PDB file of N, CA and C in Angstrom:
ATOM      1  N   MET A   1      18.682 -98.665 -37.018  1.00  0.00           N
ATOM      2  CA  MET A   1      19.153 -97.395 -37.442  1.00  0.00           C
ATOM      3  C   MET A   1      20.310 -97.023 -36.507  1.00  0.00           C
ATOM      4  N   THR A   2      21.380 -96.516 -37.076  1.00  0.00           N
ATOM      5  CA  THR A   2      22.584 -96.143 -36.286  1.00  0.00           C
ATOM      6  C   THR A   2      22.831 -94.629 -36.486  1.00  0.00           C
ATOM      7  N   GLN A   3      23.085 -93.982 -35.387  1.00  0.00           N
ATOM      8  CA  GLN A   3      23.397 -92.530 -35.434  1.00  0.00           C
ATOM      9  C   GLN A   3      24.859 -92.378 -35.008  1.00  0.00           C
ATOM     10  N   ILE A   4      25.588 -91.679 -35.803  1.00  0.00           N
ATOM     11  CA  ILE A   4      27.033 -91.436 -35.536  1.00  0.00           C
ATOM     12  C   ILE A   4      27.195 -90.023 -35.093  1.00  0.00           C
ATOM     13  N   LEU A   5      27.808 -89.836 -33.916  1.00  0.00           N
ATOM     14  CA  LEU A   5      28.094 -88.492 -33.443  1.00  0.00           C
ATOM     15  C   LEU A   5      29.583 -88.251 -33.444  1.00  0.00           C
ATOM     16  N   THR A   6      29.959 -87.030 -33.699  1.00  0.00           N
ATOM     17  CA  THR A   6      31.362 -86.667 -33.592  1.00  0.00           C
ATOM     18  C   THR A   6      31.484 -85.571 -32.551  1.00  0.00           C
ATOM     19  N   VAL A   7      32.534 -85.669 -31.814  1.00  0.00           N
ATOM     20  CA  VAL A   7      32.823 -84.716 -30.743  1.00  0.00           C
ATOM     21  C   VAL A   7      34.219 -84.252 -30.936  1.00  0.00           C
ATOM     22  N   SER A   8      34.442 -82.930 -30.793  1.00  0.00           N
ATOM     23  CA  SER A   8      35.792 -82.406 -30.938  1.00  0.00           C
ATOM     24  C   SER A   8      36.639 -82.811 -29.746  1.00  0.00           C
ATOM     25  N   ALA A   9      37.946 -82.784 -29.907  1.00  0.00           N
ATOM     26  CA  ALA A   9      38.882 -83.156 -28.848  1.00  0.00           C
ATOM     27  C   ALA A   9      38.727 -82.207 -27.659  1.00  0.00           C
ATOM     28  N   THR A  10      38.508 -80.951 -27.962  1.00  0.00           N
ATOM     29  CA  THR A  10      38.381 -79.951 -26.893  1.00  0.00           C
ATOM     30  C   THR A  10      37.138 -80.212 -26.023  1.00  0.00           C
ATOM     31  N   THR A  11      36.014 -80.506 -26.689  1.00  0.00           N
ATOM     32  CA  THR A  11      34.769 -80.835 -25.939  1.00  0.00           C
ATOM     33  C   THR A  11      34.953 -82.104 -25.118  1.00  0.00           C
ATOM     34  N   ALA A  12      35.640 -83.092 -25.676  1.00  0.00           N
ATOM     35  CA  ALA A  12      35.882 -84.344 -24.945  1.00  0.00           C
ATOM     36  C   ALA A  12      36.767 -84.070 -23.743  1.00  0.00           C
ATOM     37  N   GLY A  13      37.763 -83.191 -23.903  1.00  0.00           N
ATOM     38  CA  GLY A  13      38.638 -82.832 -22.785  1.00  0.00           C
ATOM     39  C   GLY A  13      37.919 -82.175 -21.674  1.00  0.00           C
ATOM     40  N   TYR A  14      36.989 -81.235 -22.002  1.00  0.00           N
ATOM     41  CA  TYR A  14      36.185 -80.571 -20.995  1.00  0.00           C
ATOM     42  C   TYR A  14      35.310 -81.576 -20.249  1.00  0.00           C
ATOM     43  N   ALA A  15      34.726 -82.530 -20.976  1.00  0.00           N
ATOM     44  CA  ALA A  15      33.877 -83.532 -20.346  1.00  0.00           C
ATOM     45  C   ALA A  15      34.666 -84.419 -19.402  1.00  0.00           C
ATOM     46  N   MET A  16      35.913 -84.775 -19.810  1.00  0.00           N
ATOM     47  CA  MET A  16      36.728 -85.639 -18.970  1.00  0.00           C
ATOM     48  C   MET A  16      37.289 -84.963 -17.728  1.00  0.00           C
ATOM     49  N   ASP A  17      37.418 -83.636 -17.784  1.00  0.00           N
ATOM     50  CA  ASP A  17      37.918 -82.897 -16.616  1.00  0.00           C
ATOM     51  C   ASP A  17      37.057 -83.082 -15.383  1.00  0.00           C
ATOM     52  N   GLN A  18      35.802 -83.232 -15.567  1.00  0.00           N
ATOM     53  CA  GLN A  18      34.866 -83.443 -14.470  1.00  0.00           C
ATOM     54  C   GLN A  18      35.090 -84.801 -13.782  1.00  0.00           C
ATOM     55  N   LEU A  19      35.632 -85.764 -14.514  1.00  0.00           N
ATOM     56  CA  LEU A  19      35.829 -87.085 -13.960  1.00  0.00           C
ATOM     57  C   LEU A  19      37.166 -87.209 -13.200  1.00  0.00           C
ATOM     58  N   LYS A  20      38.066 -86.270 -13.400  1.00  0.00           N
ATOM     59  CA  LYS A  20      39.385 -86.338 -12.747  1.00  0.00           C
ATOM     60  C   LYS A  20      39.250 -85.944 -11.280  1.00  0.00           C
ATOM     61  N   PRO A  21      40.012 -86.584 -10.398  1.00  0.00           N
ATOM     62  CA  PRO A  21      39.994 -86.115  -8.986  1.00  0.00           C
ATOM     63  C   PRO A  21      40.581 -84.728  -8.887  1.00  0.00           C
ATOM     64  N   GLN A  22      40.013 -83.934  -8.007  1.00  0.00           N
ATOM     65  CA  GLN A  22      40.511 -82.550  -7.884  1.00  0.00           C
ATOM     66  C   GLN A  22      41.717 -82.573  -6.949  1.00  0.00           C
ATOM     67  N   ARG A  23      42.735 -81.803  -7.351  1.00  0.00           N
ATOM     68  CA  ARG A  23      43.962 -81.703  -6.570  1.00  0.00           C
ATOM     69  C   ARG A  23      43.778 -80.697  -5.449  1.00  0.00           C
ATOM     70  N   VAL A  24      44.299 -80.991  -4.298  1.00  0.00           N
ATOM     71  CA  VAL A  24      44.278 -80.068  -3.159  1.00  0.00           C
ATOM     72  C   VAL A  24      45.658 -79.438  -3.066  1.00  0.00           C
ATOM     73  N   THR A  25      45.650 -78.120  -2.988  1.00  0.00           N
ATOM     74  CA  THR A  25      46.922 -77.420  -2.962  1.00  0.00           C
ATOM     75  C   THR A  25      47.593 -77.666  -1.607  1.00  0.00           C
ATOM     76  N   ARG A  26      48.896 -77.499  -1.579  1.00  0.00           N
ATOM     77  CA  ARG A  26      49.665 -77.708  -0.377  1.00  0.00           C
ATOM     78  C   ARG A  26      49.335 -76.654   0.665  1.00  0.00           C
ATOM     79  N   ASN A  27      49.064 -75.439   0.192  1.00  0.00           N
ATOM     80  CA  ASN A  27      48.696 -74.384   1.165  1.00  0.00           C
ATOM     81  C   ASN A  27      47.407 -74.675   1.891  1.00  0.00           C
ATOM     82  N   THR A  28      46.449 -75.279   1.192  1.00  0.00           N
ATOM     83  CA  THR A  28      45.169 -75.612   1.800  1.00  0.00           C
ATOM     84  C   THR A  28      45.406 -76.657   2.919  1.00  0.00           C
ATOM     85  N   VAL A  29      46.191 -77.644   2.628  1.00  0.00           N
ATOM     86  CA  VAL A  29      46.475 -78.701   3.621  1.00  0.00           C
ATOM     87  C   VAL A  29      47.196 -78.100   4.794  1.00  0.00           C
ATOM     88  N   LEU A  30      48.152 -77.200   4.519  1.00  0.00           N
ATOM     89  CA  LEU A  30      48.929 -76.564   5.600  1.00  0.00           C
ATOM     90  C   LEU A  30      48.037 -75.716   6.490  1.00  0.00           C
ATOM     91  N   GLU A  31      47.125 -74.990   5.887  1.00  0.00           N
ATOM     92  CA  GLU A  31      46.217 -74.128   6.677  1.00  0.00           C
ATOM     93  C   GLU A  31      45.270 -75.005   7.549  1.00  0.00           C
ATOM     94  N   GLU A  32      44.768 -76.101   6.972  1.00  0.00           N
ATOM     95  CA  GLU A  32      43.885 -76.977   7.781  1.00  0.00           C
ATOM     96  C   GLU A  32      44.633 -77.563   8.935  1.00  0.00           C
ATOM     97  N   ASN A  33      45.875 -78.018   8.701  1.00  0.00           N
ATOM     98  CA  ASN A  33      46.667 -78.588   9.802  1.00  0.00           C
ATOM     99  C   ASN A  33      47.024 -77.560  10.856  1.00  0.00           C
ATOM    100  N   MET A  34      47.310 -76.348  10.413  1.00  0.00           N
ATOM    101  CA  MET A  34      47.657 -75.284  11.348  1.00  0.00           C
ATOM    102  C   MET A  34      46.430 -74.919  12.199  1.00  0.00           C
ATOM    103  N   ARG A  35      45.220 -74.844  11.566  1.00  0.00           N
ATOM    104  CA  ARG A  35      44.009 -74.570  12.354  1.00  0.00           C
ATOM    105  C   ARG A  35      43.767 -75.665  13.399  1.00  0.00           C
ATOM    106  N   ALA A  36      43.987 -76.906  13.011  1.00  0.00           N
ATOM    107  CA  ALA A  36      43.835 -78.027  13.962  1.00  0.00           C
ATOM    108  C   ALA A  36      44.769 -77.877  15.088  1.00  0.00           C
ATOM    109  N   LEU A  37      46.035 -77.478  14.827  1.00  0.00           N
ATOM    110  CA  LEU A  37      47.029 -77.314  15.845  1.00  0.00           C
ATOM    111  C   LEU A  37      46.663 -76.165  16.775  1.00  0.00           C
ATOM    112  N   VAL A  38      46.145 -75.048  16.189  1.00  0.00           N
ATOM    113  CA  VAL A  38      45.740 -73.930  17.050  1.00  0.00           C
ATOM    114  C   VAL A  38      44.593 -74.343  17.968  1.00  0.00           C
ATOM    115  N   ASP A  39      43.615 -75.105  17.441  1.00  0.00           N
ATOM    116  CA  ASP A  39      42.524 -75.595  18.281  1.00  0.00           C
ATOM    117  C   ASP A  39      43.042 -76.509  19.366  1.00  0.00           C
ATOM    118  N   LYS A  40      43.987 -77.365  19.047  1.00  0.00           N
ATOM    119  CA  LYS A  40      44.554 -78.299  20.053  1.00  0.00           C
ATOM    120  C   LYS A  40      45.301 -77.506  21.124  1.00  0.00           C
ATOM    121  N   ALA A  41      45.999 -76.455  20.732  1.00  0.00           N
ATOM    122  CA  ALA A  41      46.722 -75.634  21.681  1.00  0.00           C
ATOM    123  C   ALA A  41      45.739 -74.900  22.622  1.00  0.00           C
ATOM    124  N   ALA A  42      44.633 -74.463  22.058  1.00  0.00           N
ATOM    125  CA  ALA A  42      43.648 -73.679  22.842  1.00  0.00           C
ATOM    126  C   ALA A  42      42.966 -74.614  23.872  1.00  0.00           C
ATOM    127  N   GLN A  43      42.757 -75.859  23.558  1.00  0.00           N
ATOM    128  CA  GLN A  43      42.070 -76.812  24.456  1.00  0.00           C
ATOM    129  C   GLN A  43      42.974 -77.526  25.406  1.00  0.00           C
ATOM    130  N   GLY A  44      44.229 -77.692  25.031  1.00  0.00           N
ATOM    131  CA  GLY A  44      45.172 -78.476  25.851  1.00  0.00           C
ATOM    132  C   GLY A  44      46.029 -77.617  26.766  1.00  0.00           C
ATOM    133  N   ASP A  45      46.796 -78.304  27.577  1.00  0.00           N
ATOM    134  CA  ASP A  45      47.676 -77.636  28.491  1.00  0.00           C
ATOM    135  C   ASP A  45      49.143 -77.845  28.157  1.00  0.00           C
ATOM    136  N   ASP A  46      49.409 -78.344  26.965  1.00  0.00           N
ATOM    137  CA  ASP A  46      50.798 -78.591  26.558  1.00  0.00           C
ATOM    138  C   ASP A  46      51.459 -77.286  26.196  1.00  0.00           C
ATOM    139  N   TYR A  47      52.454 -76.851  26.986  1.00  0.00           N
ATOM    140  CA  TYR A  47      53.086 -75.546  26.754  1.00  0.00           C
ATOM    141  C   TYR A  47      53.923 -75.537  25.487  1.00  0.00           C
ATOM    142  N   ARG A  48      54.399 -76.731  25.064  1.00  0.00           N
ATOM    143  CA  ARG A  48      55.214 -76.754  23.860  1.00  0.00           C
ATOM    144  C   ARG A  48      54.380 -76.458  22.603  1.00  0.00           C
ATOM    145  N   ILE A  49      53.174 -76.956  22.575  1.00  0.00           N
ATOM    146  CA  ILE A  49      52.311 -76.688  21.417  1.00  0.00           C
ATOM    147  C   ILE A  49      51.878 -75.219  21.422  1.00  0.00           C
ATOM    148  N   ARG A  50      51.585 -74.666  22.600  1.00  0.00           N
ATOM    149  CA  ARG A  50      51.240 -73.271  22.687  1.00  0.00           C
ATOM    150  C   ARG A  50      52.380 -72.336  22.245  1.00  0.00           C
ATOM    151  N   ALA A  51      53.613 -72.710  22.657  1.00  0.00           N
ATOM    152  CA  ALA A  51      54.767 -71.894  22.242  1.00  0.00           C
ATOM    153  C   ALA A  51      54.954 -72.008  20.739  1.00  0.00           C
ATOM    154  N   PHE A  52      54.774 -73.184  20.190  1.00  0.00           N
ATOM    155  CA  PHE A  52      54.929 -73.374  18.749  1.00  0.00           C
ATOM    156  C   PHE A  52      53.910 -72.541  17.988  1.00  0.00           C
ATOM    157  N   VAL A  53      52.668 -72.550  18.466  1.00  0.00           N
ATOM    158  CA  VAL A  53      51.604 -71.780  17.816  1.00  0.00           C
ATOM    159  C   VAL A  53      51.876 -70.275  17.876  1.00  0.00           C
ATOM    160  N   ASN A  54      52.462 -69.840  19.018  1.00  0.00           N
ATOM    161  CA  ASN A  54      52.782 -68.431  19.136  1.00  0.00           C
ATOM    162  C   ASN A  54      53.942 -68.005  18.213  1.00  0.00           C
ATOM    163  N   VAL A  55      54.857 -68.897  17.933  1.00  0.00           N
ATOM    164  CA  VAL A  55      55.968 -68.566  17.064  1.00  0.00           C
ATOM    165  C   VAL A  55      55.544 -68.674  15.607  1.00  0.00           C
ATOM    166  N   VAL A  56      54.877 -69.774  15.273  1.00  0.00           N
ATOM    167  CA  VAL A  56      54.445 -70.027  13.881  1.00  0.00           C
ATOM    168  C   VAL A  56      52.979 -69.634  13.792  1.00  0.00           C
ATOM    169  N   GLN A  57      52.734 -68.509  13.195  1.00  0.00           N
ATOM    170  CA  GLN A  57      51.373 -68.020  13.059  1.00  0.00           C
ATOM    171  C   GLN A  57      50.686 -68.714  11.929  1.00  0.00           C
ATOM    172  N   PRO A  58      49.351 -68.789  11.985  1.00  0.00           N
ATOM    173  CA  PRO A  58      48.590 -69.383  10.886  1.00  0.00           C
ATOM    174  C   PRO A  58      48.876 -68.600   9.574  1.00  0.00           C
ATOM    175  N   PRO A  59      48.960 -69.344   8.476  1.00  0.00           N
ATOM    176  CA  PRO A  59      49.322 -68.701   7.201  1.00  0.00           C
ATOM    177  C   PRO A  59      48.382 -67.563   6.823  1.00  0.00           C
ATOM    178  N   ALA A  60      47.119 -67.694   7.055  1.00  0.00           N
ATOM    179  CA  ALA A  60      46.177 -66.646   6.641  1.00  0.00           C
ATOM    180  C   ALA A  60      46.468 -65.341   7.416  1.00  0.00           C
ATOM    181  N   LEU A  61      46.800 -65.478   8.679  1.00  0.00           N
ATOM    182  CA  LEU A  61      47.127 -64.260   9.470  1.00  0.00           C
ATOM    183  C   LEU A  61      48.419 -63.633   8.979  1.00  0.00           C
ATOM    184  N   ALA A  62      49.408 -64.476   8.742  1.00  0.00           N
ATOM    185  CA  ALA A  62      50.686 -63.979   8.232  1.00  0.00           C
ATOM    186  C   ALA A  62      50.509 -63.314   6.866  1.00  0.00           C
ATOM    187  N   LEU A  63      49.687 -63.912   6.024  1.00  0.00           N
ATOM    188  CA  LEU A  63      49.385 -63.320   4.709  1.00  0.00           C
ATOM    189  C   LEU A  63      48.707 -62.007   4.839  1.00  0.00           C
ATOM    190  N   TYR A  64      47.798 -61.890   5.840  1.00  0.00           N
ATOM    191  CA  TYR A  64      47.118 -60.588   6.043  1.00  0.00           C
ATOM    192  C   TYR A  64      48.138 -59.502   6.376  1.00  0.00           C
ATOM    193  N   PHE A  65      49.046 -59.783   7.259  1.00  0.00           N
ATOM    194  CA  PHE A  65      50.066 -58.787   7.637  1.00  0.00           C
ATOM    195  C   PHE A  65      50.994 -58.454   6.474  1.00  0.00           C
ATOM    196  N   LEU A  66      51.259 -59.431   5.622  1.00  0.00           N
ATOM    197  CA  LEU A  66      52.151 -59.207   4.461  1.00  0.00           C
ATOM    198  C   LEU A  66      51.501 -58.369   3.404  1.00  0.00           C
ATOM    199  N   THR A  67      50.188 -58.476   3.275  1.00  0.00           N
ATOM    200  CA  THR A  67      49.453 -57.821   2.184  1.00  0.00           C
ATOM    201  C   THR A  67      48.691 -56.567   2.627  1.00  0.00           C
ATOM    202  N   MET A  68      48.730 -56.247   3.896  1.00  0.00           N
ATOM    203  CA  MET A  68      47.942 -55.068   4.307  1.00  0.00           C
ATOM    204  C   MET A  68      48.620 -53.791   3.828  1.00  0.00           C
ATOM    205  N   LYS A  69      47.792 -52.735   3.739  1.00  0.00           N
ATOM    206  CA  LYS A  69      48.312 -51.470   3.278  1.00  0.00           C
ATOM    207  C   LYS A  69      49.294 -50.890   4.288  1.00  0.00           C
ATOM    208  N   PRO A  70      50.313 -50.252   3.812  1.00  0.00           N
ATOM    209  CA  PRO A  70      51.287 -49.646   4.778  1.00  0.00           C
ATOM    210  C   PRO A  70      50.631 -48.565   5.603  1.00  0.00           C
ATOM    211  N   GLN A  71      50.947 -48.526   6.859  1.00  0.00           N
ATOM    212  CA  GLN A  71      50.425 -47.551   7.796  1.00  0.00           C
ATOM    213  C   GLN A  71      51.369 -46.384   7.849  1.00  0.00           C
ATOM    214  N   ASN A  72      50.809 -45.194   8.119  1.00  0.00           N
ATOM    215  CA  ASN A  72      51.635 -44.025   8.254  1.00  0.00           C
ATOM    216  C   ASN A  72      52.543 -44.194   9.485  1.00  0.00           C
ATOM    217  N   GLN A  73      53.809 -43.819   9.364  1.00  0.00           N
ATOM    218  CA  GLN A  73      54.710 -43.961  10.493  1.00  0.00           C
ATOM    219  C   GLN A  73      54.831 -42.635  11.218  1.00  0.00           C
ATOM    220  N   ALA A  74      54.970 -42.710  12.493  1.00  0.00           N
ATOM    221  CA  ALA A  74      55.119 -41.533  13.317  1.00  0.00           C
ATOM    222  C   ALA A  74      56.589 -41.128  13.370  1.00  0.00           C
ATOM    223  N   THR A  75      56.812 -39.863  13.583  1.00  0.00           N
ATOM    224  CA  THR A  75      58.180 -39.404  13.751  1.00  0.00           C
ATOM    225  C   THR A  75      58.635 -39.749  15.175  1.00  0.00           C
ATOM    226  N   LEU A  76      59.921 -39.577  15.431  1.00  0.00           N
ATOM    227  CA  LEU A  76      60.471 -39.906  16.758  1.00  0.00           C
ATOM    228  C   LEU A  76      59.822 -38.988  17.806  1.00  0.00           C
ATOM    229  N   GLN A  77      59.642 -37.742  17.515  1.00  0.00           N
ATOM    230  CA  GLN A  77      59.079 -36.799  18.467  1.00  0.00           C
ATOM    231  C   GLN A  77      57.629 -37.174  18.772  1.00  0.00           C
ATOM    232  N   GLU A  78      56.834 -37.569  17.763  1.00  0.00           N
ATOM    233  CA  GLU A  78      55.447 -37.989  17.983  1.00  0.00           C
ATOM    234  C   GLU A  78      55.395 -39.202  18.836  1.00  0.00           C
ATOM    235  N   THR A  79      56.290 -40.137  18.601  1.00  0.00           N
ATOM    236  CA  THR A  79      56.363 -41.376  19.382  1.00  0.00           C
ATOM    237  C   THR A  79      56.715 -41.058  20.826  1.00  0.00           C
ATOM    238  N   LEU A  80      57.707 -40.195  21.063  1.00  0.00           N
ATOM    239  CA  LEU A  80      58.087 -39.857  22.427  1.00  0.00           C
ATOM    240  C   LEU A  80      56.922 -39.099  23.142  1.00  0.00           C
ATOM    241  N   ASP A  81      56.241 -38.199  22.432  1.00  0.00           N
ATOM    242  CA  ASP A  81      55.122 -37.491  23.037  1.00  0.00           C
ATOM    243  C   ASP A  81      54.007 -38.451  23.432  1.00  0.00           C
ATOM    244  N   ALA A  82      53.710 -39.427  22.579  1.00  0.00           N
ATOM    245  CA  ALA A  82      52.676 -40.410  22.875  1.00  0.00           C
ATOM    246  C   ALA A  82      53.087 -41.285  24.079  1.00  0.00           C
ATOM    247  N   TYR A  83      54.328 -41.652  24.144  1.00  0.00           N
ATOM    248  CA  TYR A  83      54.826 -42.463  25.217  1.00  0.00           C
ATOM    249  C   TYR A  83      54.757 -41.704  26.552  1.00  0.00           C
ATOM    250  N   LEU A  84      55.216 -40.475  26.514  1.00  0.00           N
ATOM    251  CA  LEU A  84      55.236 -39.679  27.756  1.00  0.00           C
ATOM    252  C   LEU A  84      53.835 -39.325  28.208  1.00  0.00           C
ATOM    253  N   SER A  85      52.885 -39.195  27.301  1.00  0.00           N
ATOM    254  CA  SER A  85      51.498 -38.873  27.691  1.00  0.00           C
ATOM    255  C   SER A  85      50.801 -40.079  28.345  1.00  0.00           C
ATOM    256  N   THR A  86      51.244 -41.272  28.050  1.00  0.00           N
ATOM    257  CA  THR A  86      50.610 -42.464  28.656  1.00  0.00           C
ATOM    258  C   THR A  86      51.167 -42.730  30.048  1.00  0.00           C
ATOM    259  N   GLU A  87      52.330 -42.246  30.384  1.00  0.00           N
ATOM    260  CA  GLU A  87      52.895 -42.440  31.707  1.00  0.00           C
ATOM    261  C   GLU A  87      52.223 -41.616  32.776  1.00  0.00           C
ATOM    262  N   ALA A  88      51.689 -40.468  32.406  1.00  0.00           N
ATOM    263  CA  ALA A  88      51.105 -39.538  33.367  1.00  0.00           C
ATOM    264  C   ALA A  88      49.847 -40.052  33.975  1.00  0.00           C
TER     265      ALA A  88
END
């Protein structure tokens, strides 16, 4: 006895998607490499790597500062008052 099954092209496509290798985005690779570099700078004594890490911030931190809500800005007089009050 033979049983014949039919499967739609859409269902076959969904089934085949699980067999394809997953692509890693460039940003993920960049963040992983940057984290490794930050760890290397923290453990090592190479001043060049530390300087590079200070200049090139990790992408997640830079993204945080780019997407954070705007803060209220102080007026010039408020800034001067705050500055002068810390000197005393």
